[in-house]
Amino acid sequence: TQRLPRLIGKSRAKDLILTGRKLGAEEAESIGLVNRVASPDRLWDQ
């Protein structure tokens, strides 16, 4: 509840925490939750 809003903003964090919904890598990258996305065979290289 403290680290997520500091990373992606309060409103987006409330959306994820209050709904409990799951999101994929593309959306996670678009909102700044992850920094890089790679195919499974390229993940470790990335």
All heavy atoms as atom14 arrays in JSON, in Angstrom:
{
  "sequence": "TQRLPRLIGKSRAKDLILTGRKLGAEEAESIGLVNRVASPDRLWDQ",
  "atom14_mask": [
    [1, 1, 1, 1, 1, 1, 1, 0, 0, 0, 0, 0, 0, 0],
    [1, 1, 1, 1, 1, 1, 1, 1, 1, 0, 0, 0, 0, 0],
    [1, 1, 1, 1, 1, 1, 1, 1, 1, 1, 1, 0, 0, 0],
    [1, 1, 1, 1, 1, 1, 1, 1, 0, 0, 0, 0, 0, 0],
    [1, 1, 1, 1, 1, 1, 1, 0, 0, 0, 0, 0, 0, 0],
    [1, 1, 1, 1, 1, 1, 1, 1, 1, 1, 1, 0, 0, 0],
    [1, 1, 1, 1, 1, 1, 1, 1, 0, 0, 0, 0, 0, 0],
    [1, 1, 1, 1, 1, 1, 1, 1, 0, 0, 0, 0, 0, 0],
    [1, 1, 1, 1, 0, 0, 0, 0, 0, 0, 0, 0, 0, 0],
    [1, 1, 1, 1, 1, 1, 1, 1, 1, 0, 0, 0, 0, 0],
    [1, 1, 1, 1, 1, 1, 0, 0, 0, 0, 0, 0, 0, 0],
    [1, 1, 1, 1, 1, 1, 1, 1, 1, 1, 1, 0, 0, 0],
    [1, 1, 1, 1, 1, 0, 0, 0, 0, 0, 0, 0, 0, 0],
    [1, 1, 1, 1, 1, 1, 1, 1, 1, 0, 0, 0, 0, 0],
    [1, 1, 1, 1, 1, 1, 1, 1, 0, 0, 0, 0, 0, 0],
    [1, 1, 1, 1, 1, 1, 1, 1, 0, 0, 0, 0, 0, 0],
    [1, 1, 1, 1, 1, 1, 1, 1, 0, 0, 0, 0, 0, 0],
    [1, 1, 1, 1, 1, 1, 1, 1, 0, 0, 0, 0, 0, 0],
    [1, 1, 1, 1, 1, 1, 1, 0, 0, 0, 0, 0, 0, 0],
    [1, 1, 1, 1, 0, 0, 0, 0, 0, 0, 0, 0, 0, 0],
    [1, 1, 1, 1, 1, 1, 1, 1, 1, 1, 1, 0, 0, 0],
    [1, 1, 1, 1, 1, 1, 1, 1, 1, 0, 0, 0, 0, 0],
    [1, 1, 1, 1, 1, 1, 1, 1, 0, 0, 0, 0, 0, 0],
    [1, 1, 1, 1, 0, 0, 0, 0, 0, 0, 0, 0, 0, 0],
    [1, 1, 1, 1, 1, 0, 0, 0, 0, 0, 0, 0, 0, 0],
    [1, 1, 1, 1, 1, 1, 1, 1, 1, 0, 0, 0, 0, 0],
    [1, 1, 1, 1, 1, 1, 1, 1, 1, 0, 0, 0, 0, 0],
    [1, 1, 1, 1, 1, 0, 0, 0, 0, 0, 0, 0, 0, 0],
    [1, 1, 1, 1, 1, 1, 1, 1, 1, 0, 0, 0, 0, 0],
    [1, 1, 1, 1, 1, 1, 0, 0, 0, 0, 0, 0, 0, 0],
    [1, 1, 1, 1, 1, 1, 1, 1, 0, 0, 0, 0, 0, 0],
    [1, 1, 1, 1, 0, 0, 0, 0, 0, 0, 0, 0, 0, 0],
    [1, 1, 1, 1, 1, 1, 1, 1, 0, 0, 0, 0, 0, 0],
    [1, 1, 1, 1, 1, 1, 1, 0, 0, 0, 0, 0, 0, 0],
    [1, 1, 1, 1, 1, 1, 1, 1, 0, 0, 0, 0, 0, 0],
    [1, 1, 1, 1, 1, 1, 1, 1, 1, 1, 1, 0, 0, 0],
    [1, 1, 1, 1, 1, 1, 1, 0, 0, 0, 0, 0, 0, 0],
    [1, 1, 1, 1, 1, 0, 0, 0, 0, 0, 0, 0, 0, 0],
    [1, 1, 1, 1, 1, 1, 0, 0, 0, 0, 0, 0, 0, 0],
    [1, 1, 1, 1, 1, 1, 1, 0, 0, 0, 0, 0, 0, 0],
    [1, 1, 1, 1, 1, 1, 1, 1, 0, 0, 0, 0, 0, 0],
    [1, 1, 1, 1, 1, 1, 1, 1, 1, 1, 1, 0, 0, 0],
    [1, 1, 1, 1, 1, 1, 1, 1, 0, 0, 0, 0, 0, 0],
    [1, 1, 1, 1, 1, 1, 1, 1, 1, 1, 1, 1, 1, 1],
    [1, 1, 1, 1, 1, 1, 1, 1, 0, 0, 0, 0, 0, 0],
    [1, 1, 1, 1, 1, 1, 1, 1, 1, 0, 0, 0, 0, 0]
  ],
  "atom14_positions": [
    [[0.82, -1.21, 0.0], [0.0, 0.0, 0.0], [0.85, 1.26, 0.0], [0.34, 2.36, -0.28], [-0.94, 0.05, 1.23], [-0.16, 0.15, 2.42], [-1.84, -1.16, 1.29], [0.0, 0.0, 0.0], [0.0, 0.0, 0.0], [0.0, 0.0, 0.0], [0.0, 0.0, 0.0], [0.0, 0.0, 0.0], [0.0, 0.0, 0.0], [0.0, 0.0, 0.0]],
    [[2.13, 1.14, 0.33], [3.01, 2.3, 0.36], [3.93, 2.38, -0.85], [4.13, 3.45, -1.42], [3.85, 2.28, 1.66], [3.02, 2.26, 2.92], [2.02, 3.4, 2.95], [2.4, 4.57, 2.86], [0.74, 3.08, 3.09], [0.0, 0.0, 0.0], [0.0, 0.0, 0.0], [0.0, 0.0, 0.0], [0.0, 0.0, 0.0], [0.0, 0.0, 0.0]],
    [[4.49, 1.24, -1.26], [5.44, 1.27, -2.37], [4.74, 1.41, -3.72], [5.26, 2.08, -4.61], [6.31, 0.01, -2.35], [7.27, -0.03, -1.17], [8.28, -1.16, -1.25], [9.2, -1.09, -0.11], [9.11, -1.83, 1.0], [8.14, -2.73, 1.09], [9.96, -1.68, 1.99], [0.0, 0.0, 0.0], [0.0, 0.0, 0.0], [0.0, 0.0, 0.0]],
    [[3.58, 0.78, -3.89], [2.93, 0.85, -5.2], [2.52, 2.27, -5.57], [2.82, 2.73, -6.68], [1.73, -0.1, -5.25], [1.07, -0.22, -6.63], [2.04, -0.82, -7.65], [-0.21, -1.05, -6.56], [0.0, 0.0, 0.0], [0.0, 0.0, 0.0], [0.0, 0.0, 0.0], [0.0, 0.0, 0.0], [0.0, 0.0, 0.0], [0.0, 0.0, 0.0]],
    [[1.83, 3.03, -4.7], [1.48, 4.4, -5.09], [2.69, 5.29, -5.31], [2.65, 6.21, -6.13], [0.61, 4.9, -3.93], [0.88, 3.98, -2.79], [1.24, 2.67, -3.39], [0.0, 0.0, 0.0], [0.0, 0.0, 0.0], [0.0, 0.0, 0.0], [0.0, 0.0, 0.0], [0.0, 0.0, 0.0], [0.0, 0.0, 0.0], [0.0, 0.0, 0.0]],
    [[3.77, 5.05, -4.59], [4.98, 5.84, -4.82], [5.59, 5.55, -6.19], [6.29, 6.39, -6.75], [6.0, 5.56, -3.71], [5.69, 6.27, -2.4], [6.59, 5.77, -1.27], [6.5, 6.62, -0.08], [5.54, 6.59, 0.81], [4.52, 5.75, 0.64], [5.55, 7.39, 1.86], [0.0, 0.0, 0.0], [0.0, 0.0, 0.0], [0.0, 0.0, 0.0]],
    [[5.32, 4.36, -6.7], [5.89, 3.97, -7.99], [4.99, 4.38, -9.16], [5.48, 4.91, -10.15], [6.12, 2.45, -8.02], [6.79, 1.89, -9.27], [8.22, 2.43, -9.4], [6.8, 0.37, -9.24], [0.0, 0.0, 0.0], [0.0, 0.0, 0.0], [0.0, 0.0, 0.0], [0.0, 0.0, 0.0], [0.0, 0.0, 0.0], [0.0, 0.0, 0.0]],
    [[3.69, 4.15, -9.04], [2.8, 4.36, -10.2], [1.74, 5.44, -9.96], [0.95, 5.72, -10.85], [2.1, 3.04, -10.62], [1.13, 2.56, -9.54], [3.12, 1.98, -10.96], [0.26, 1.38, -9.99], [0.0, 0.0, 0.0], [0.0, 0.0, 0.0], [0.0, 0.0, 0.0], [0.0, 0.0, 0.0], [0.0, 0.0, 0.0], [0.0, 0.0, 0.0]],
    [[1.72, 6.04, -8.77], [0.73, 7.06, -8.47], [-0.43, 6.52, -7.65], [-0.76, 5.33, -7.72], [0.0, 0.0, 0.0], [0.0, 0.0, 0.0], [0.0, 0.0, 0.0], [0.0, 0.0, 0.0], [0.0, 0.0, 0.0], [0.0, 0.0, 0.0], [0.0, 0.0, 0.0], [0.0, 0.0, 0.0], [0.0, 0.0, 0.0], [0.0, 0.0, 0.0]],
    [[-1.05, 7.4, -6.86], [-2.07, 6.99, -5.91], [-3.31, 6.42, -6.59], [-3.84, 5.38, -6.18], [-2.46, 8.18, -5.02], [-3.47, 7.82, -3.94], [-3.56, 8.91, -2.88], [-4.23, 10.15, -3.4], [-4.51, 11.14, -2.31], [0.0, 0.0, 0.0], [0.0, 0.0, 0.0], [0.0, 0.0, 0.0], [0.0, 0.0, 0.0], [0.0, 0.0, 0.0]],
    [[-3.8, 7.07, -7.63], [-5.04, 6.62, -8.25], [-4.88, 5.25, -8.9], [-5.74, 4.37, -8.74], [-5.51, 7.64, -9.29], [-6.72, 7.23, -9.89], [0.0, 0.0, 0.0], [0.0, 0.0, 0.0], [0.0, 0.0, 0.0], [0.0, 0.0, 0.0], [0.0, 0.0, 0.0], [0.0, 0.0, 0.0], [0.0, 0.0, 0.0], [0.0, 0.0, 0.0]],
    [[-3.8, 5.04, -9.64], [-3.57, 3.75, -10.26], [-3.38, 2.66, -9.2], [-3.85, 1.53, -9.36], [-2.35, 3.81, -11.17], [-2.63, 4.49, -12.51], [-1.38, 4.56, -13.35], [-1.68, 5.03, -14.7], [-0.82, 5.71, -15.44], [0.38, 6.01, -14.96], [-1.15, 6.08, -16.66], [0.0, 0.0, 0.0], [0.0, 0.0, 0.0], [0.0, 0.0, 0.0]],
    [[-2.68, 3.0, -8.12], [-2.48, 2.02, -7.05], [-3.8, 1.63, -6.41], [-4.05, 0.45, -6.12], [-1.52, 2.58, -6.0], [0.0, 0.0, 0.0], [0.0, 0.0, 0.0], [0.0, 0.0, 0.0], [0.0, 0.0, 0.0], [0.0, 0.0, 0.0], [0.0, 0.0, 0.0], [0.0, 0.0, 0.0], [0.0, 0.0, 0.0], [0.0, 0.0, 0.0]],
    [[-4.68, 2.6, -6.18], [-5.99, 2.29, -5.62], [-6.79, 1.39, -6.56], [-7.49, 0.46, -6.11], [-6.76, 3.57, -5.32], [-6.28, 4.31, -4.09], [-7.12, 5.56, -3.84], [-6.7, 6.24, -2.55], [-7.49, 7.47, -2.3], [0.0, 0.0, 0.0], [0.0, 0.0, 0.0], [0.0, 0.0, 0.0], [0.0, 0.0, 0.0], [0.0, 0.0, 0.0]],
    [[-6.7, 1.66, -7.84], [-7.39, 0.82, -8.83], [-6.96, -0.63, -8.67], [-7.81, -1.54, -8.6], [-7.05, 1.34, -10.24], [-7.63, 0.49, -11.36], [-8.43, -0.43, -11.08], [-7.28, 0.73, -12.53], [0.0, 0.0, 0.0], [0.0, 0.0, 0.0], [0.0, 0.0, 0.0], [0.0, 0.0, 0.0], [0.0, 0.0, 0.0], [0.0, 0.0, 0.0]],
    [[-5.66, -0.87, -8.59], [-5.17, -2.25, -8.52], [-5.46, -2.89, -7.16], [-5.87, -4.05, -7.08], [-3.67, -2.28, -8.8], [-3.25, -1.86, -10.22], [-1.73, -1.93, -10.36], [-3.92, -2.73, -11.26], [0.0, 0.0, 0.0], [0.0, 0.0, 0.0], [0.0, 0.0, 0.0], [0.0, 0.0, 0.0], [0.0, 0.0, 0.0], [0.0, 0.0, 0.0]],
    [[-5.24, -2.14, -6.09], [-5.39, -2.73, -4.75], [-6.86, -2.93, -4.36], [-7.23, -3.97, -3.82], [-4.67, -1.86, -3.7], [-3.15, -1.92, -3.93], [-5.0, -2.31, -2.28], [-2.35, -0.94, -3.08], [0.0, 0.0, 0.0], [0.0, 0.0, 0.0], [0.0, 0.0, 0.0], [0.0, 0.0, 0.0], [0.0, 0.0, 0.0], [0.0, 0.0, 0.0]],
    [[-7.7, -1.95, -4.64], [-9.1, -2.05, -4.21], [-9.89, -3.07, -5.03], [-10.8, -3.71, -4.51], [-9.77, -0.68, -4.28], [-9.13, 0.42, -3.42], [-9.95, 1.7, -3.49], [-8.95, -0.03, -1.97], [0.0, 0.0, 0.0], [0.0, 0.0, 0.0], [0.0, 0.0, 0.0], [0.0, 0.0, 0.0], [0.0, 0.0, 0.0], [0.0, 0.0, 0.0]],
    [[-9.54, -3.21, -6.3], [-10.22, -4.23, -7.12], [-9.58, -5.6, -6.98], [-10.23, -6.61, -7.19], [-10.19, -3.84, -8.61], [-8.84, -3.85, -9.08], [-10.82, -2.47, -8.84], [0.0, 0.0, 0.0], [0.0, 0.0, 0.0], [0.0, 0.0, 0.0], [0.0, 0.0, 0.0], [0.0, 0.0, 0.0], [0.0, 0.0, 0.0], [0.0, 0.0, 0.0]],
    [[-8.29, -5.62, -6.64], [-7.57, -6.89, -6.58], [-7.32, -7.5, -7.95], [-6.99, -8.68, -8.07], [0.0, 0.0, 0.0], [0.0, 0.0, 0.0], [0.0, 0.0, 0.0], [0.0, 0.0, 0.0], [0.0, 0.0, 0.0], [0.0, 0.0, 0.0], [0.0, 0.0, 0.0], [0.0, 0.0, 0.0], [0.0, 0.0, 0.0], [0.0, 0.0, 0.0]],
    [[-7.49, -6.69, -9.0], [-7.38, -7.26, -10.34], [-5.93, -7.55, -10.72], [-4.99, -6.99, -10.14], [-8.02, -6.33, -11.37], [-7.26, -5.06, -11.68], [-8.01, -4.23, -12.72], [-7.31, -3.0, -13.05], [-6.39, -2.9, -14.01], [-6.06, -3.98, -14.72], [-5.81, -1.74, -14.28], [0.0, 0.0, 0.0], [0.0, 0.0, 0.0], [0.0, 0.0, 0.0]],
    [[-5.78, -8.41, -11.72], [-4.46, -8.78, -12.21], [-4.21, -8.08, -13.54], [-5.14, -7.78, -14.28], [-4.38, -10.3, -12.39], [-4.63, -11.05, -11.08], [-4.86, -12.53, -11.31], [-5.23, -13.23, -9.99], [-5.57, -14.65, -10.19], [0.0, 0.0, 0.0], [0.0, 0.0, 0.0], [0.0, 0.0, 0.0], [0.0, 0.0, 0.0], [0.0, 0.0, 0.0]],
    [[-2.96, -7.82, -13.82], [-2.61, -7.17, -15.08], [-1.42, -7.85, -15.72], [-0.6, -8.47, -15.02], [-2.32, -5.69, -14.87], [-1.1, -5.27, -14.04], [-0.71, -3.83, -14.39], [-1.4, -5.36, -12.54], [0.0, 0.0, 0.0], [0.0, 0.0, 0.0], [0.0, 0.0, 0.0], [0.0, 0.0, 0.0], [0.0, 0.0, 0.0], [0.0, 0.0, 0.0]],
    [[-1.35, -7.75, -17.03], [-0.28, -8.36, -17.78], [0.93, -7.45, -17.92], [0.93, -6.29, -17.49], [0.0, 0.0, 0.0], [0.0, 0.0, 0.0], [0.0, 0.0, 0.0], [0.0, 0.0, 0.0], [0.0, 0.0, 0.0], [0.0, 0.0, 0.0], [0.0, 0.0, 0.0], [0.0, 0.0, 0.0], [0.0, 0.0, 0.0], [0.0, 0.0, 0.0]],
    [[1.97, -7.98, -18.58], [3.24, -7.28, -18.67], [3.13, -5.99, -19.49], [3.75, -4.98, -19.16], [4.29, -8.19, -19.28], [0.0, 0.0, 0.0], [0.0, 0.0, 0.0], [0.0, 0.0, 0.0], [0.0, 0.0, 0.0], [0.0, 0.0, 0.0], [0.0, 0.0, 0.0], [0.0, 0.0, 0.0], [0.0, 0.0, 0.0], [0.0, 0.0, 0.0]],
    [[2.31, -6.0, -20.54], [2.2, -4.81, -21.38], [1.62, -3.64, -20.59], [2.16, -2.52, -20.64], [1.33, -5.1, -22.61], [1.21, -3.92, -23.57], [0.38, -4.23, -24.81], [-0.04, -5.4, -24.98], [0.14, -3.29, -25.59], [0.0, 0.0, 0.0], [0.0, 0.0, 0.0], [0.0, 0.0, 0.0], [0.0, 0.0, 0.0], [0.0, 0.0, 0.0]],
    [[0.55, -3.89, -19.86], [-0.03, -2.82, -19.05], [0.92, -2.43, -17.93], [1.06, -1.23, -17.61], [-1.38, -3.25, -18.46], [-2.04, -2.14, -17.65], [-3.36, -2.55, -17.01], [-3.8, -3.7, -17.21], [-3.95, -1.71, -16.3], [0.0, 0.0, 0.0], [0.0, 0.0, 0.0], [0.0, 0.0, 0.0], [0.0, 0.0, 0.0], [0.0, 0.0, 0.0]],
    [[1.57, -3.42, -17.32], [2.51, -3.13, -16.23], [3.63, -2.2, -16.69], [4.02, -1.28, -15.97], [3.09, -4.44, -15.69], [0.0, 0.0, 0.0], [0.0, 0.0, 0.0], [0.0, 0.0, 0.0], [0.0, 0.0, 0.0], [0.0, 0.0, 0.0], [0.0, 0.0, 0.0], [0.0, 0.0, 0.0], [0.0, 0.0, 0.0], [0.0, 0.0, 0.0]],
    [[4.12, -2.43, -17.9], [5.17, -1.56, -18.43], [4.61, -0.17, -18.73], [5.26, 0.85, -18.47], [5.79, -2.16, -19.69], [6.96, -1.35, -20.23], [7.57, -1.96, -21.47], [6.84, -2.59, -22.26], [8.79, -1.78, -21.67], [0.0, 0.0, 0.0], [0.0, 0.0, 0.0], [0.0, 0.0, 0.0], [0.0, 0.0, 0.0], [0.0, 0.0, 0.0]],
    [[3.39, -0.11, -19.24], [2.82, 1.18, -19.64], [2.56, 2.1, -18.45], [2.59, 3.32, -18.59], [1.51, 0.97, -20.42], [0.45, 0.54, -19.56], [0.0, 0.0, 0.0], [0.0, 0.0, 0.0], [0.0, 0.0, 0.0], [0.0, 0.0, 0.0], [0.0, 0.0, 0.0], [0.0, 0.0, 0.0], [0.0, 0.0, 0.0], [0.0, 0.0, 0.0]],
    [[2.32, 1.53, -17.26], [2.07, 2.36, -16.09], [3.3, 2.51, -15.2], [3.25, 3.12, -14.14], [0.89, 1.82, -15.25], [1.19, 0.44, -14.65], [-0.4, 1.79, -16.07], [0.11, -0.07, -13.7], [0.0, 0.0, 0.0], [0.0, 0.0, 0.0], [0.0, 0.0, 0.0], [0.0, 0.0, 0.0], [0.0, 0.0, 0.0], [0.0, 0.0, 0.0]],
    [[4.41, 1.92, -15.63], [5.65, 2.07, -14.88], [5.87, 1.06, -13.78], [6.78, 1.22, -12.97], [0.0, 0.0, 0.0], [0.0, 0.0, 0.0], [0.0, 0.0, 0.0], [0.0, 0.0, 0.0], [0.0, 0.0, 0.0], [0.0, 0.0, 0.0], [0.0, 0.0, 0.0], [0.0, 0.0, 0.0], [0.0, 0.0, 0.0], [0.0, 0.0, 0.0]],
    [[5.06, 0.01, -13.75], [5.24, -1.03, -12.74], [6.48, -1.86, -13.01], [7.15, -2.32, -12.09], [4.0, -1.92, -12.67], [4.0, -3.06, -11.66], [4.2, -2.53, -10.24], [2.69, -3.85, -11.75], [0.0, 0.0, 0.0], [0.0, 0.0, 0.0], [0.0, 0.0, 0.0], [0.0, 0.0, 0.0], [0.0, 0.0, 0.0], [0.0, 0.0, 0.0]],
    [[6.79, -2.1, -14.29], [8.03, -2.78, -14.66], [8.82, -1.88, -15.61], [8.25, -1.03, -16.3], [7.79, -4.16, -15.3], [7.05, -5.08, -14.34], [7.04, -4.04, -16.61], [0.0, 0.0, 0.0], [0.0, 0.0, 0.0], [0.0, 0.0, 0.0], [0.0, 0.0, 0.0], [0.0, 0.0, 0.0], [0.0, 0.0, 0.0], [0.0, 0.0, 0.0]],
    [[10.13, -2.08, -15.63], [11.02, -1.24, -16.44], [11.29, -1.79, -17.83], [11.48, -1.03, -18.78], [12.36, -1.05, -15.73], [12.21, -0.43, -14.37], [12.07, -1.14, -13.37], [12.21, 0.89, -14.3], [0.0, 0.0, 0.0], [0.0, 0.0, 0.0], [0.0, 0.0, 0.0], [0.0, 0.0, 0.0], [0.0, 0.0, 0.0], [0.0, 0.0, 0.0]],
    [[11.36, -3.11, -17.95], [11.65, -3.75, -19.23], [10.77, -4.98, -19.37], [10.48, -5.66, -18.38], [13.11, -4.22, -19.32], [14.17, -3.19, -18.99], [14.52, -2.3, -20.16], [15.8, -1.64, -19.96], [16.01, -0.61, -19.15], [15.01, -0.14, -18.41], [17.21, -0.05, -19.05], [0.0, 0.0, 0.0], [0.0, 0.0, 0.0], [0.0, 0.0, 0.0]],
    [[10.38, -5.29, -20.6], [9.63, -6.51, -20.91], [10.36, -7.23, -22.03], [10.82, -6.6, -23.0], [8.18, -6.2, -21.32], [7.48, -7.45, -21.81], [7.42, -5.58, -20.15], [0.0, 0.0, 0.0], [0.0, 0.0, 0.0], [0.0, 0.0, 0.0], [0.0, 0.0, 0.0], [0.0, 0.0, 0.0], [0.0, 0.0, 0.0], [0.0, 0.0, 0.0]],
    [[10.49, -8.55, -21.89], [11.17, -9.35, -22.9], [10.42, -10.65, -23.11], [9.65, -11.08, -22.25], [12.62, -9.62, -22.48], [0.0, 0.0, 0.0], [0.0, 0.0, 0.0], [0.0, 0.0, 0.0], [0.0, 0.0, 0.0], [0.0, 0.0, 0.0], [0.0, 0.0, 0.0], [0.0, 0.0, 0.0], [0.0, 0.0, 0.0], [0.0, 0.0, 0.0]],
    [[10.66, -11.29, -24.25], [10.1, -12.62, -24.47], [10.74, -13.59, -23.48], [11.85, -13.33, -22.99], [10.37, -13.08, -25.91], [11.76, -13.15, -26.14], [0.0, 0.0, 0.0], [0.0, 0.0, 0.0], [0.0, 0.0, 0.0], [0.0, 0.0, 0.0], [0.0, 0.0, 0.0], [0.0, 0.0, 0.0], [0.0, 0.0, 0.0], [0.0, 0.0, 0.0]],
    [[10.08, -14.7, -23.16], [10.64, -15.63, -22.18], [12.06, -16.09, -22.5], [12.89, -16.21, -21.59], [9.65, -16.81, -22.22], [8.35, -16.19, -22.62], [8.72, -15.11, -23.59], [0.0, 0.0, 0.0], [0.0, 0.0, 0.0], [0.0, 0.0, 0.0], [0.0, 0.0, 0.0], [0.0, 0.0, 0.0], [0.0, 0.0, 0.0], [0.0, 0.0, 0.0]],
    [[12.35, -16.31, -23.77], [13.69, -16.78, -24.12], [14.74, -15.67, -24.08], [15.94, -15.95, -24.09], [13.68, -17.42, -25.52], [13.27, -16.44, -26.62], [12.35, -15.63, -26.37], [13.87, -16.47, -27.69], [0.0, 0.0, 0.0], [0.0, 0.0, 0.0], [0.0, 0.0, 0.0], [0.0, 0.0, 0.0], [0.0, 0.0, 0.0], [0.0, 0.0, 0.0]],
    [[14.3, -14.42, -23.98], [15.23, -13.3, -23.9], [15.26, -12.65, -22.53], [16.03, -11.71, -22.29], [14.83, -12.23, -24.94], [15.19, -12.57, -26.36], [16.64, -12.23, -26.65], [16.93, -10.83, -26.33], [18.13, -10.39, -25.96], [19.14, -11.23, -25.85], [18.33, -9.1, -25.69], [0.0, 0.0, 0.0], [0.0, 0.0, 0.0], [0.0, 0.0, 0.0]],
    [[14.44, -13.15, -21.61], [14.28, -12.5, -20.31], [15.6, -12.36, -19.57], [15.96, -11.28, -19.12], [13.26, -13.26, -19.45], [13.09, -12.77, -18.02], [12.57, -11.33, -18.0], [12.16, -13.69, -17.24], [0.0, 0.0, 0.0], [0.0, 0.0, 0.0], [0.0, 0.0, 0.0], [0.0, 0.0, 0.0], [0.0, 0.0, 0.0], [0.0, 0.0, 0.0]],
    [[16.31, -13.47, -19.44], [17.53, -13.43, -18.63], [18.61, -12.57, -19.3], [19.34, -11.84, -18.62], [18.03, -14.83, -18.34], [18.96, -14.84, -17.16], [20.3, -15.06, -17.18], [18.62, -14.59, -15.79], [20.82, -14.94, -15.9], [19.81, -14.66, -15.04], [17.41, -14.3, -15.14], [19.83, -14.46, -13.67], [17.44, -14.1, -13.77], [18.63, -14.17, -13.04]],
    [[18.7, -12.64, -20.62], [19.65, -11.78, -21.33], [19.34, -10.31, -21.09], [20.25, -9.5, -20.89], [19.6, -12.07, -22.83], [20.2, -13.43, -23.19], [21.0, -13.96, -22.38], [19.87, -13.95, -24.27], [0.0, 0.0, 0.0], [0.0, 0.0, 0.0], [0.0, 0.0, 0.0], [0.0, 0.0, 0.0], [0.0, 0.0, 0.0], [0.0, 0.0, 0.0]],
    [[18.05, -9.97, -21.11], [17.65, -8.58, -20.88], [18.0, -8.15, -19.46], [18.51, -7.05, -19.23], [16.15, -8.42, -21.12], [15.6, -7.03, -20.88], [16.06, -6.03, -21.91], [17.07, -5.36, -21.72], [15.34, -5.93, -23.01], [0.0, 0.0, 0.0], [0.0, 0.0, 0.0], [0.0, 0.0, 0.0], [0.0, 0.0, 0.0], [0.0, 0.0, 0.0]]
  ]
}
